[in-house]
PDB file of all heavy atoms in Angstrom:
ATOM      1  N   VAL A   1     111.895 102.555  84.869  1.00  0.00           N
ATOM      2  CA  VAL A   1     110.709 103.011  85.593  1.00  0.00           C
ATOM      3  C   VAL A   1     110.109 104.242  84.909  1.00  0.00           C
ATOM      4  O   VAL A   1     108.892 104.329  84.694  1.00  0.00           O
ATOM      5  CB  VAL A   1     111.057 103.323  87.063  1.00  0.00           C
ATOM      6  CG1 VAL A   1     109.927 104.093  87.736  1.00  0.00           C
ATOM      7  CG2 VAL A   1     111.318 102.035  87.830  1.00  0.00           C
ATOM      8  N   LYS A   2     110.958 105.199  84.556  1.00  0.00           N
ATOM      9  CA  LYS A   2     110.462 106.425  83.936  1.00  0.00           C
ATOM     10  C   LYS A   2     109.898 106.168  82.544  1.00  0.00           C
ATOM     11  O   LYS A   2     109.025 106.901  82.076  1.00  0.00           O
ATOM     12  CB  LYS A   2     111.595 107.455  83.874  1.00  0.00           C
ATOM     13  CG  LYS A   2     112.010 107.963  85.254  1.00  0.00           C
ATOM     14  CD  LYS A   2     113.213 108.883  85.179  1.00  0.00           C
ATOM     15  CE  LYS A   2     113.651 109.323  86.571  1.00  0.00           C
ATOM     16  NZ  LYS A   2     114.867 110.172  86.531  1.00  0.00           N
ATOM     17  N   LYS A   3     110.388 105.128  81.879  1.00  0.00           N
ATOM     18  CA  LYS A   3     109.884 104.799  80.543  1.00  0.00           C
ATOM     19  C   LYS A   3     108.531 104.103  80.605  1.00  0.00           C
ATOM     20  O   LYS A   3     107.614 104.430  79.838  1.00  0.00           O
ATOM     21  CB  LYS A   3     110.888 103.918  79.820  1.00  0.00           C
ATOM     22  CG  LYS A   3     110.438 103.458  78.436  1.00  0.00           C
ATOM     23  CD  LYS A   3     111.451 102.532  77.794  1.00  0.00           C
ATOM     24  CE  LYS A   3     110.953 102.023  76.443  1.00  0.00           C
ATOM     25  NZ  LYS A   3     111.914 101.086  75.813  1.00  0.00           N
ATOM     26  N   SER A   4     108.394 103.125  81.519  1.00  0.00           N
ATOM     27  CA  SER A   4     107.191 102.290  81.547  1.00  0.00           C
ATOM     28  C   SER A   4     106.141 102.753  82.545  1.00  0.00           C
ATOM     29  O   SER A   4     104.960 102.449  82.379  1.00  0.00           O
ATOM     30  CB  SER A   4     107.581 100.839  81.853  1.00  0.00           C
ATOM     31  OG  SER A   4     108.521 100.350  80.932  1.00  0.00           O
ATOM     32  N   PHE A   5     106.552 103.457  83.606  1.00  0.00           N
ATOM     33  CA  PHE A   5     105.610 103.859  84.655  1.00  0.00           C
ATOM     34  C   PHE A   5     105.804 105.332  85.020  1.00  0.00           C
ATOM     35  O   PHE A   5     105.789 105.691  86.197  1.00  0.00           O
ATOM     36  CB  PHE A   5     105.808 102.982  85.900  1.00  0.00           C
ATOM     37  CG  PHE A   5     105.600 101.517  85.676  1.00  0.00           C
ATOM     38  CD1 PHE A   5     106.678 100.678  85.422  1.00  0.00           C
ATOM     39  CD2 PHE A   5     104.331 100.971  85.704  1.00  0.00           C
ATOM     40  CE1 PHE A   5     106.492  99.322  85.214  1.00  0.00           C
ATOM     41  CE2 PHE A   5     104.131  99.616  85.502  1.00  0.00           C
ATOM     42  CZ  PHE A   5     105.215  98.789  85.242  1.00  0.00           C
ATOM     43  N   SER A   6     105.974 106.170  84.019  1.00  0.00           N
ATOM     44  CA  SER A   6     106.299 107.579  84.289  1.00  0.00           C
ATOM     45  C   SER A   6     105.193 108.287  85.067  1.00  0.00           C
ATOM     46  O   SER A   6     105.462 109.028  86.015  1.00  0.00           O
ATOM     47  CB  SER A   6     106.576 108.313  82.973  1.00  0.00           C
ATOM     48  OG  SER A   6     105.465 108.212  82.096  1.00  0.00           O
ATOM     49  N   ALA A   7     103.937 108.063  84.687  1.00  0.00           N
ATOM     50  CA  ALA A   7     102.829 108.743  85.370  1.00  0.00           C
ATOM     51  C   ALA A   7     102.699 108.262  86.813  1.00  0.00           C
ATOM     52  O   ALA A   7     102.529 109.067  87.740  1.00  0.00           O
ATOM     53  CB  ALA A   7     101.526 108.505  84.613  1.00  0.00           C
ATOM     54  N   LEU A   8     102.791 106.961  87.022  1.00  0.00           N
ATOM     55  CA  LEU A   8     102.712 106.410  88.373  1.00  0.00           C
ATOM     56  C   LEU A   8     103.884 106.896  89.214  1.00  0.00           C
ATOM     57  O   LEU A   8     103.717 107.243  90.395  1.00  0.00           O
ATOM     58  CB  LEU A   8     102.708 104.877  88.306  1.00  0.00           C
ATOM     59  CG  LEU A   8     102.767 104.124  89.631  1.00  0.00           C
ATOM     60  CD1 LEU A   8     101.599 104.521  90.534  1.00  0.00           C
ATOM     61  CD2 LEU A   8     102.767 102.616  89.393  1.00  0.00           C
ATOM     62  N   TYR A   9     105.050 106.921  88.634  1.00  0.00           N
ATOM     63  CA  TYR A   9     106.246 107.397  89.341  1.00  0.00           C
ATOM     64  C   TYR A   9     106.060 108.842  89.799  1.00  0.00           C
ATOM     65  O   TYR A   9     106.381 109.189  90.941  1.00  0.00           O
ATOM     66  CB  TYR A   9     107.449 107.270  88.408  1.00  0.00           C
ATOM     67  CG  TYR A   9     108.770 107.721  88.975  1.00  0.00           C
ATOM     68  CD1 TYR A   9     109.382 107.027  90.014  1.00  0.00           C
ATOM     69  CD2 TYR A   9     109.414 108.838  88.455  1.00  0.00           C
ATOM     70  CE1 TYR A   9     110.608 107.437  90.527  1.00  0.00           C
ATOM     71  CE2 TYR A   9     110.643 109.248  88.960  1.00  0.00           C
ATOM     72  CZ  TYR A   9     111.233 108.548  89.985  1.00  0.00           C
ATOM     73  OH  TYR A   9     112.449 108.959  90.500  1.00  0.00           O
ATOM     74  N   ALA A  10     105.502 109.683  88.936  1.00  0.00           N
ATOM     75  CA  ALA A  10     105.280 111.087  89.290  1.00  0.00           C
ATOM     76  C   ALA A  10     104.253 111.216  90.416  1.00  0.00           C
ATOM     77  O   ALA A  10     104.413 112.048  91.316  1.00  0.00           O
ATOM     78  CB  ALA A  10     104.824 111.863  88.058  1.00  0.00           C
ATOM     79  N   ARG A  11     103.217 110.397  90.368  1.00  0.00           N
ATOM     80  CA  ARG A  11     102.200 110.465  91.431  1.00  0.00           C
ATOM     81  C   ARG A  11     102.779 110.037  92.777  1.00  0.00           C
ATOM     82  O   ARG A  11     102.456 110.628  93.816  1.00  0.00           O
ATOM     83  CB  ARG A  11     100.996 109.586  91.069  1.00  0.00           C
ATOM     84  CG  ARG A  11     100.171 110.118  89.906  1.00  0.00           C
ATOM     85  CD  ARG A  11      98.774 109.513  89.881  1.00  0.00           C
ATOM     86  NE  ARG A  11      98.791 108.065  89.782  1.00  0.00           N
ATOM     87  CZ  ARG A  11      98.857 107.391  88.645  1.00  0.00           C
ATOM     88  NH1 ARG A  11      98.954 108.051  87.498  1.00  0.00           N
ATOM     89  NH2 ARG A  11      98.842 106.069  88.631  1.00  0.00           N
ATOM     90  N   LEU A  12     103.604 109.014  92.776  1.00  0.00           N
ATOM     91  CA  LEU A  12     104.217 108.573  94.032  1.00  0.00           C
ATOM     92  C   LEU A  12     105.149 109.639  94.600  1.00  0.00           C
ATOM     93  O   LEU A  12     105.203 109.845  95.815  1.00  0.00           O
ATOM     94  CB  LEU A  12     104.979 107.266  93.811  1.00  0.00           C
ATOM     95  CG  LEU A  12     104.122 106.029  93.526  1.00  0.00           C
ATOM     96  CD1 LEU A  12     105.006 104.842  93.164  1.00  0.00           C
ATOM     97  CD2 LEU A  12     103.246 105.671  94.734  1.00  0.00           C
ATOM     98  N   LEU A  13     105.858 110.333  93.733  1.00  0.00           N
ATOM     99  CA  LEU A  13     106.752 111.398  94.191  1.00  0.00           C
ATOM    100  C   LEU A  13     105.984 112.590  94.752  1.00  0.00           C
ATOM    101  O   LEU A  13     106.557 113.417  95.466  1.00  0.00           O
ATOM    102  CB  LEU A  13     107.645 111.866  93.046  1.00  0.00           C
ATOM    103  CG  LEU A  13     108.747 110.902  92.594  1.00  0.00           C
ATOM    104  CD1 LEU A  13     109.539 111.503  91.447  1.00  0.00           C
ATOM    105  CD2 LEU A  13     109.686 110.561  93.757  1.00  0.00           C
ATOM    106  N   SER A  14     104.682 112.699  94.429  1.00  0.00           N
ATOM    107  CA  SER A  14     103.887 113.803  94.965  1.00  0.00           C
ATOM    108  C   SER A  14     103.577 113.629  96.443  1.00  0.00           C
ATOM    109  O   SER A  14     103.149 114.577  97.102  1.00  0.00           O
ATOM    110  CB  SER A  14     102.586 113.937  94.168  1.00  0.00           C
ATOM    111  OG  SER A  14     101.704 112.843  94.430  1.00  0.00           O
ATOM    112  N   ILE A  15     103.786 112.418  96.982  1.00  0.00           N
ATOM    113  CA  ILE A  15     103.551 112.163  98.404  1.00  0.00           C
ATOM    114  C   ILE A  15     104.703 112.752  99.201  1.00  0.00           C
ATOM    115  O   ILE A  15     105.862 112.396  98.965  1.00  0.00           O
ATOM    116  CB  ILE A  15     103.428 110.661  98.689  1.00  0.00           C
ATOM    117  CG1 ILE A  15     102.311 110.043  97.861  1.00  0.00           C
ATOM    118  CG2 ILE A  15     103.197 110.407 100.172  1.00  0.00           C
ATOM    119  CD1 ILE A  15     102.238 108.527  97.965  1.00  0.00           C
ATOM    120  N   PRO A  16     104.445 113.654 100.145  1.00  0.00           N
ATOM    121  CA  PRO A  16     105.525 114.225 100.946  1.00  0.00           C
ATOM    122  C   PRO A  16     106.323 113.146 101.680  1.00  0.00           C
ATOM    123  O   PRO A  16     105.747 112.261 102.311  1.00  0.00           O
ATOM    124  CB  PRO A  16     104.784 115.125 101.936  1.00  0.00           C
ATOM    125  CG  PRO A  16     103.498 115.459 101.264  1.00  0.00           C
ATOM    126  CD  PRO A  16     103.129 114.240 100.477  1.00  0.00           C
ATOM    127  N   SER A  17     107.643 113.217 101.554  1.00  0.00           N
ATOM    128  CA  SER A  17     108.642 112.326 102.174  1.00  0.00           C
ATOM    129  C   SER A  17     108.944 111.084 101.344  1.00  0.00           C
ATOM    130  O   SER A  17     109.868 110.341 101.668  1.00  0.00           O
ATOM    131  CB  SER A  17     108.248 111.895 103.601  1.00  0.00           C
ATOM    132  OG  SER A  17     107.336 110.817 103.584  1.00  0.00           O
ATOM    133  N   VAL A  18     108.209 110.817 100.278  1.00  0.00           N
ATOM    134  CA  VAL A  18     108.508 109.690  99.387  1.00  0.00           C
ATOM    135  C   VAL A  18     109.442 110.180  98.286  1.00  0.00           C
ATOM    136  O   VAL A  18     109.078 111.043  97.491  1.00  0.00           O
ATOM    137  CB  VAL A  18     107.229 109.094  98.774  1.00  0.00           C
ATOM    138  CG1 VAL A  18     107.572 108.050  97.713  1.00  0.00           C
ATOM    139  CG2 VAL A  18     106.375 108.460  99.865  1.00  0.00           C
ATOM    140  N   GLY A  19     110.662 109.636  98.264  1.00  0.00           N
ATOM    141  CA  GLY A  19     111.660 110.059  97.306  1.00  0.00           C
ATOM    142  C   GLY A  19     111.764 109.116  96.128  1.00  0.00           C
ATOM    143  O   GLY A  19     111.043 108.104  96.041  1.00  0.00           O
ATOM    144  N   PRO A  20     112.680 109.401  95.188  1.00  0.00           N
ATOM    145  CA  PRO A  20     112.823 108.576  93.979  1.00  0.00           C
ATOM    146  C   PRO A  20     113.109 107.112  94.269  1.00  0.00           C
ATOM    147  O   PRO A  20     112.540 106.222  93.622  1.00  0.00           O
ATOM    148  CB  PRO A  20     113.997 109.239  93.246  1.00  0.00           C
ATOM    149  CG  PRO A  20     114.002 110.652  93.729  1.00  0.00           C
ATOM    150  CD  PRO A  20     113.549 110.586  95.147  1.00  0.00           C
ATOM    151  N   ARG A  21     113.981 106.825  95.217  1.00  0.00           N
ATOM    152  CA  ARG A  21     114.341 105.429  95.497  1.00  0.00           C
ATOM    153  C   ARG A  21     113.148 104.651  96.025  1.00  0.00           C
ATOM    154  O   ARG A  21     112.887 103.522  95.595  1.00  0.00           O
ATOM    155  CB  ARG A  21     115.490 105.384  96.499  1.00  0.00           C
ATOM    156  CG  ARG A  21     116.049 104.001  96.734  1.00  0.00           C
ATOM    157  CD  ARG A  21     117.202 104.049  97.701  1.00  0.00           C
ATOM    158  NE  ARG A  21     117.706 102.722  98.010  1.00  0.00           N
ATOM    159  CZ  ARG A  21     118.624 102.468  98.938  1.00  0.00           C
ATOM    160  NH1 ARG A  21     119.154 103.469  99.631  1.00  0.00           N
ATOM    161  NH2 ARG A  21     119.023 101.238  99.168  1.00  0.00           N
ATOM    162  N   THR A  22     112.405 105.250  96.953  1.00  0.00           N
ATOM    163  CA  THR A  22     111.232 104.575  97.513  1.00  0.00           C
ATOM    164  C   THR A  22     110.147 104.397  96.455  1.00  0.00           C
ATOM    165  O   THR A  22     109.497 103.346  96.388  1.00  0.00           O
ATOM    166  CB  THR A  22     110.676 105.377  98.700  1.00  0.00           C
ATOM    167  OG1 THR A  22     111.705 105.549  99.683  1.00  0.00           O
ATOM    168  CG2 THR A  22     109.500 104.659  99.336  1.00  0.00           C
ATOM    169  N   ALA A  23     109.944 105.411  95.621  1.00  0.00           N
ATOM    170  CA  ALA A  23     108.933 105.322  94.562  1.00  0.00           C
ATOM    171  C   ALA A  23     109.271 104.202  93.583  1.00  0.00           C
ATOM    172  O   ALA A  23     108.396 103.410  93.199  1.00  0.00           O
ATOM    173  CB  ALA A  23     108.828 106.653  93.834  1.00  0.00           C
ATOM    174  N   MET A  24     110.536 104.106  93.187  1.00  0.00           N
ATOM    175  CA  MET A  24     110.947 103.040  92.268  1.00  0.00           C
ATOM    176  C   MET A  24     110.773 101.673  92.904  1.00  0.00           C
ATOM    177  O   MET A  24     110.297 100.730  92.267  1.00  0.00           O
ATOM    178  CB  MET A  24     112.403 103.244  91.835  1.00  0.00           C
ATOM    179  CG  MET A  24     112.599 104.333  90.810  1.00  0.00           C
ATOM    180  SD  MET A  24     114.249 104.295  90.054  1.00  0.00           S
ATOM    181  CE  MET A  24     115.262 104.675  91.469  1.00  0.00           C
ATOM    182  N   GLU A  25     111.156 101.549  94.167  1.00  0.00           N
ATOM    183  CA  GLU A  25     111.041 100.265  94.851  1.00  0.00           C
ATOM    184  C   GLU A  25     109.583  99.835  94.957  1.00  0.00           C
ATOM    185  O   GLU A  25     109.239  98.661  94.779  1.00  0.00           O
ATOM    186  CB  GLU A  25     111.665 100.367  96.243  1.00  0.00           C
ATOM    187  CG  GLU A  25     111.859  99.047  96.952  1.00  0.00           C
ATOM    188  CD  GLU A  25     113.113  98.314  96.508  1.00  0.00           C
ATOM    189  OE1 GLU A  25     113.957  98.941  95.842  1.00  0.00           O
ATOM    190  OE2 GLU A  25     113.250  97.127  96.834  1.00  0.00           O
ATOM    191  N   LEU A  26     108.682 100.776  95.242  1.00  0.00           N
ATOM    192  CA  LEU A  26     107.259 100.467  95.317  1.00  0.00           C
ATOM    193  C   LEU A  26     106.735  99.940  93.982  1.00  0.00           C
ATOM    194  O   LEU A  26     105.974  98.966  93.934  1.00  0.00           O
ATOM    195  CB  LEU A  26     106.470 101.711  95.734  1.00  0.00           C
ATOM    196  CG  LEU A  26     106.429 102.056  97.226  1.00  0.00           C
ATOM    197  CD1 LEU A  26     105.903 103.461  97.434  1.00  0.00           C
ATOM    198  CD2 LEU A  26     105.596 101.044  98.001  1.00  0.00           C
ATOM    199  N   ILE A  27     107.143 100.577  92.908  1.00  0.00           N
ATOM    200  CA  ILE A  27     106.688 100.156  91.579  1.00  0.00           C
ATOM    201  C   ILE A  27     107.206  98.764  91.251  1.00  0.00           C
ATOM    202  O   ILE A  27     106.478  97.911  90.716  1.00  0.00           O
ATOM    203  CB  ILE A  27     107.153 101.170  90.518  1.00  0.00           C
ATOM    204  CG1 ILE A  27     106.393 102.489  90.695  1.00  0.00           C
ATOM    205  CG2 ILE A  27     106.931 100.624  89.106  1.00  0.00           C
ATOM    206  CD1 ILE A  27     106.900 103.620  89.828  1.00  0.00           C
ATOM    207  N   ILE A  28     108.456  98.486  91.610  1.00  0.00           N
ATOM    208  CA  ILE A  28     109.070  97.199  91.263  1.00  0.00           C
ATOM    209  C   ILE A  28     108.442  96.055  92.047  1.00  0.00           C
ATOM    210  O   ILE A  28     108.050  95.040  91.476  1.00  0.00           O
ATOM    211  CB  ILE A  28     110.588  97.260  91.495  1.00  0.00           C
ATOM    212  CG1 ILE A  28     111.244  98.240  90.513  1.00  0.00           C
ATOM    213  CG2 ILE A  28     111.208  95.861  91.342  1.00  0.00           C
ATOM    214  CD1 ILE A  28     112.667  98.578  90.844  1.00  0.00           C
ATOM    215  N   VAL A  29     108.330  96.209  93.369  1.00  0.00           N
ATOM    216  CA  VAL A  29     107.859  95.085  94.187  1.00  0.00           C
ATOM    217  C   VAL A  29     106.370  94.838  94.022  1.00  0.00           C
ATOM    218  O   VAL A  29     105.887  93.734  94.308  1.00  0.00           O
ATOM    219  CB  VAL A  29     108.191  95.298  95.685  1.00  0.00           C
ATOM    220  CG1 VAL A  29     109.676  95.454  95.897  1.00  0.00           C
ATOM    221  CG2 VAL A  29     107.443  96.485  96.272  1.00  0.00           C
ATOM    222  N   THR A  30     105.624  95.835  93.542  1.00  0.00           N
ATOM    223  CA  THR A  30     104.182  95.644  93.333  1.00  0.00           C
ATOM    224  C   THR A  30     103.833  95.450  91.865  1.00  0.00           C
ATOM    225  O   THR A  30     102.652  95.352  91.534  1.00  0.00           O
ATOM    226  CB  THR A  30     103.390  96.846  93.869  1.00  0.00           C
ATOM    227  OG1 THR A  30     103.763  98.018  93.124  1.00  0.00           O
ATOM    228  CG2 THR A  30     103.657  97.073  95.349  1.00  0.00           C
ATOM    229  N   ALA A  31     104.853  95.404  90.998  1.00  0.00           N
ATOM    230  CA  ALA A  31     104.629  95.305  89.547  1.00  0.00           C
ATOM    231  C   ALA A  31     103.708  96.423  89.074  1.00  0.00           C
ATOM    232  O   ALA A  31     102.726  96.199  88.363  1.00  0.00           O
ATOM    233  CB  ALA A  31     104.065  93.940  89.175  1.00  0.00           C
ATOM    234  N   GLY A  32     104.045  97.638  89.488  1.00  0.00           N
ATOM    235  CA  GLY A  32     103.222  98.777  89.094  1.00  0.00           C
ATOM    236  C   GLY A  32     101.862  98.782  89.764  1.00  0.00           C
ATOM    237  O   GLY A  32     100.896  99.278  89.200  1.00  0.00           O
ATOM    238  N   PHE A  33     101.791  98.215  90.981  1.00  0.00           N
ATOM    239  CA  PHE A  33     100.550  98.109  91.765  1.00  0.00           C
ATOM    240  C   PHE A  33      99.486  97.290  91.039  1.00  0.00           C
ATOM    241  O   PHE A  33      98.293  97.484  91.233  1.00  0.00           O
ATOM    242  CB  PHE A  33     100.003  99.500  92.120  1.00  0.00           C
ATOM    243  CG  PHE A  33     100.802 100.207  93.183  1.00  0.00           C
ATOM    244  CD1 PHE A  33     101.925 100.944  92.848  1.00  0.00           C
ATOM    245  CD2 PHE A  33     100.453 100.116  94.517  1.00  0.00           C
ATOM    246  CE1 PHE A  33     102.677 101.580  93.809  1.00  0.00           C
ATOM    247  CE2 PHE A  33     101.191 100.759  95.498  1.00  0.00           C
ATOM    248  CZ  PHE A  33     102.310 101.494  95.143  1.00  0.00           C
ATOM    249  N   SER A  34      99.934  96.355  90.208  1.00  0.00           N
ATOM    250  CA  SER A  34      98.990  95.509  89.491  1.00  0.00           C
ATOM    251  C   SER A  34      98.684  94.216  90.243  1.00  0.00           C
ATOM    252  O   SER A  34      97.778  93.479  89.857  1.00  0.00           O
ATOM    253  CB  SER A  34      99.562  95.160  88.108  1.00  0.00           C
ATOM    254  OG  SER A  34     100.764  94.414  88.234  1.00  0.00           O
ATOM    255  N   ARG A  35      99.415  93.921  91.285  1.00  0.00           N
ATOM    256  CA  ARG A  35      99.243  92.655  91.998  1.00  0.00           C
ATOM    257  C   ARG A  35      98.173  92.708  93.086  1.00  0.00           C
ATOM    258  O   ARG A  35      97.781  91.664  93.614  1.00  0.00           O
ATOM    259  CB  ARG A  35     100.564  92.235  92.645  1.00  0.00           C
ATOM    260  CG  ARG A  35     101.660  91.877  91.675  1.00  0.00           C
ATOM    261  CD  ARG A  35     102.934  91.557  92.414  1.00  0.00           C
ATOM    262  NE  ARG A  35     103.989  91.110  91.515  1.00  0.00           N
ATOM    263  CZ  ARG A  35     105.249  90.953  91.871  1.00  0.00           C
ATOM    264  NH1 ARG A  35     105.616  91.207  93.112  1.00  0.00           N
ATOM    265  NH2 ARG A  35     106.150  90.547  91.005  1.00  0.00           N
ATOM    266  N   PHE A  36      97.733  93.900  93.458  1.00  0.00           N
ATOM    267  CA  PHE A  36      96.867  94.020  94.625  1.00  0.00           C
ATOM    268  C   PHE A  36      95.641  94.857  94.309  1.00  0.00           C
ATOM    269  O   PHE A  36      95.733  95.907  93.672  1.00  0.00           O
ATOM    270  CB  PHE A  36      97.639  94.661  95.787  1.00  0.00           C
ATOM    271  CG  PHE A  36      98.896  93.934  96.160  1.00  0.00           C
ATOM    272  CD1 PHE A  36     100.117  94.330  95.645  1.00  0.00           C
ATOM    273  CD2 PHE A  36      98.854  92.831  96.998  1.00  0.00           C
ATOM    274  CE1 PHE A  36     101.287  93.656  95.972  1.00  0.00           C
ATOM    275  CE2 PHE A  36     100.006  92.148  97.316  1.00  0.00           C
ATOM    276  CZ  PHE A  36     101.222  92.559  96.808  1.00  0.00           C
ATOM    277  N   THR A  37      94.506  94.368  94.774  1.00  0.00           N
ATOM    278  CA  THR A  37      93.266  95.130  94.680  1.00  0.00           C
ATOM    279  C   THR A  37      92.813  95.613  96.053  1.00  0.00           C
ATOM    280  O   THR A  37      91.827  96.325  96.166  1.00  0.00           O
ATOM    281  CB  THR A  37      92.143  94.266  94.071  1.00  0.00           C
ATOM    282  OG1 THR A  37      91.977  93.077  94.876  1.00  0.00           O
ATOM    283  CG2 THR A  37      92.488  93.865  92.641  1.00  0.00           C
ATOM    284  N   ASP A  38      93.557  95.231  97.090  1.00  0.00           N
ATOM    285  CA  ASP A  38      93.193  95.569  98.461  1.00  0.00           C
ATOM    286  C   ASP A  38      94.434  96.052  99.189  1.00  0.00           C
ATOM    287  O   ASP A  38      95.479  95.408  99.138  1.00  0.00           O
ATOM    288  CB  ASP A  38      92.595  94.350  99.168  1.00  0.00           C
ATOM    289  CG  ASP A  38      92.214  94.668 100.602  1.00  0.00           C
ATOM    290  OD1 ASP A  38      91.295  95.465 100.809  1.00  0.00           O
ATOM    291  OD2 ASP A  38      92.861  94.129 101.513  1.00  0.00           O
ATOM    292  N   VAL A  39      94.321  97.178  99.885  1.00  0.00           N
ATOM    293  CA  VAL A  39      95.483  97.751 100.570  1.00  0.00           C
ATOM    294  C   VAL A  39      95.930  96.888 101.745  1.00  0.00           C
ATOM    295  O   VAL A  39      97.110  96.882 102.115  1.00  0.00           O
ATOM    296  CB  VAL A  39      95.160  99.196 101.032  1.00  0.00           C
ATOM    297  CG1 VAL A  39      94.132  99.193 102.163  1.00  0.00           C
ATOM    298  CG2 VAL A  39      96.434  99.921 101.443  1.00  0.00           C
ATOM    299  N   LYS A  40      95.008  96.121 102.344  1.00  0.00           N
ATOM    300  CA  LYS A  40      95.398  95.239 103.436  1.00  0.00           C
ATOM    301  C   LYS A  40      96.316  94.123 102.942  1.00  0.00           C
ATOM    302  O   LYS A  40      97.270  93.746 103.625  1.00  0.00           O
ATOM    303  CB  LYS A  40      94.149  94.651 104.113  1.00  0.00           C
ATOM    304  CG  LYS A  40      93.316  95.675 104.868  1.00  0.00           C
ATOM    305  CD  LYS A  40      92.149  95.011 105.581  1.00  0.00           C
ATOM    306  CE  LYS A  40      91.348  96.036 106.372  1.00  0.00           C
ATOM    307  NZ  LYS A  40      90.182  95.410 107.067  1.00  0.00           N
ATOM    308  N   ALA A  41      96.011  93.603 101.770  1.00  0.00           N
ATOM    309  CA  ALA A  41      96.875  92.575 101.189  1.00  0.00           C
ATOM    310  C   ALA A  41      98.251  93.151 100.877  1.00  0.00           C
ATOM    311  O   ALA A  41      99.280  92.487 101.072  1.00  0.00           O
ATOM    312  CB  ALA A  41      96.240  92.009  99.927  1.00  0.00           C
ATOM    313  N   LEU A  42      98.296  94.392 100.403  1.00  0.00           N
ATOM    314  CA  LEU A  42      99.576  95.044 100.123  1.00  0.00           C
ATOM    315  C   LEU A  42     100.370  95.225 101.416  1.00  0.00           C
ATOM    316  O   LEU A  42     101.580  94.987 101.444  1.00  0.00           O
ATOM    317  CB  LEU A  42      99.333  96.394  99.446  1.00  0.00           C
ATOM    318  CG  LEU A  42     100.573  97.257  99.197  1.00  0.00           C
ATOM    319  CD1 LEU A  42     101.573  96.511  98.319  1.00  0.00           C
ATOM    320  CD2 LEU A  42     100.178  98.587  98.572  1.00  0.00           C
ATOM    321  N   GLY A  43      99.701  95.645 102.488  1.00  0.00           N
ATOM    322  CA  GLY A  43     100.382  95.819 103.768  1.00  0.00           C
ATOM    323  C   GLY A  43     100.966  94.522 104.282  1.00  0.00           C
ATOM    324  O   GLY A  43     102.077  94.487 104.826  1.00  0.00           O
TER     325      GLY A  43
END
């Protein structure tokens, strides 16, 4: 994650209460947020 999505990982960690495990899981299940153009679809 830190090698391929370091900038995205850092931005997710800037959200209060979002920790490393949650940030990594978000990146993995969304393929780096490349699968969704709409937040409703993500939800």
